């Protein structure tokens, strides 16, 4: 399931953040980072997915 989330993070980062944490603070931070630039949003979404797995 994490592979699907990581692929989703590359395509549309806020969806991956939502799937991992719901409408929490990380979701809104990811929306802001994605609006500022797609790369920061992707990095943050992948970080959320990897961090929650540990």
Protein backbone atom coordinates (compact mmCIF):
# COMPACT_ATOMS: atom_id res chain seq x y z
CA UNK A 1 0.00 0.00 0.00
CA UNK A 2 2.93 2.36 0.65
CA UNK A 3 4.05 2.08 -2.97
CA UNK A 4 0.64 3.34 -4.11
CA UNK A 5 0.88 6.25 -1.64
CA UNK A 6 4.37 7.15 -2.85
CA UNK A 7 3.21 7.11 -6.48
CA UNK A 8 0.26 9.27 -5.45
CA UNK A 9 2.70 11.61 -3.65
CA UNK A 10 4.62 12.10 -6.88
CA UNK A 11 1.49 12.78 -8.95
CA UNK A 12 -0.56 14.83 -6.45
CA UNK A 13 1.06 15.27 -3.03
CA UNK A 14 -1.94 16.53 -1.01
CA UNK A 15 -3.91 13.36 -1.81
CA UNK A 16 -1.09 11.21 -0.44
CA UNK A 17 -0.88 13.38 2.68
CA UNK A 18 -4.64 13.06 3.15
CA UNK A 19 -4.53 9.28 2.75
CA UNK A 20 -1.82 9.07 5.40
CA UNK A 21 -2.93 11.61 8.04
CA UNK A 22 -6.42 12.83 7.12
CA UNK A 23 -7.31 16.51 7.52
CA UNK A 24 -4.53 17.11 10.07
CA UNK A 25 -1.92 19.82 10.19
CA UNK A 26 0.40 17.91 7.84
CA UNK A 27 -2.30 17.90 5.17
CA UNK A 28 -2.60 21.69 5.28
CA UNK A 29 1.17 22.15 5.39
CA UNK A 30 1.40 19.95 2.31
CA UNK A 31 -1.22 22.02 0.48
CA UNK A 32 0.80 25.17 1.24
CA UNK A 33 4.09 23.58 0.16
CA UNK A 34 2.51 22.27 -3.06
CA UNK A 35 1.20 25.75 -3.86
CA UNK A 36 4.68 27.18 -3.30
CA UNK A 37 6.24 24.56 -5.56
CA UNK A 38 5.51 20.99 -6.51
CA UNK A 39 8.89 19.64 -5.35
CA UNK A 40 8.53 20.72 -1.69
CA UNK A 41 5.05 19.19 -1.66
CA UNK A 42 6.36 15.89 -3.03
CA UNK A 43 9.22 15.76 -0.53
CA UNK A 44 6.89 16.50 2.37
CA UNK A 45 4.32 13.90 1.28
CA UNK A 46 6.98 11.19 0.90
CA UNK A 47 8.43 12.17 4.28
CA UNK A 48 4.98 11.79 5.90
CA UNK A 49 4.54 8.34 4.36
CA UNK A 50 8.00 7.13 5.42
CA UNK A 51 7.80 8.68 8.90
CA UNK A 52 4.40 7.13 9.72
CA UNK A 53 5.62 3.67 8.76
CA UNK A 54 8.35 3.62 11.43
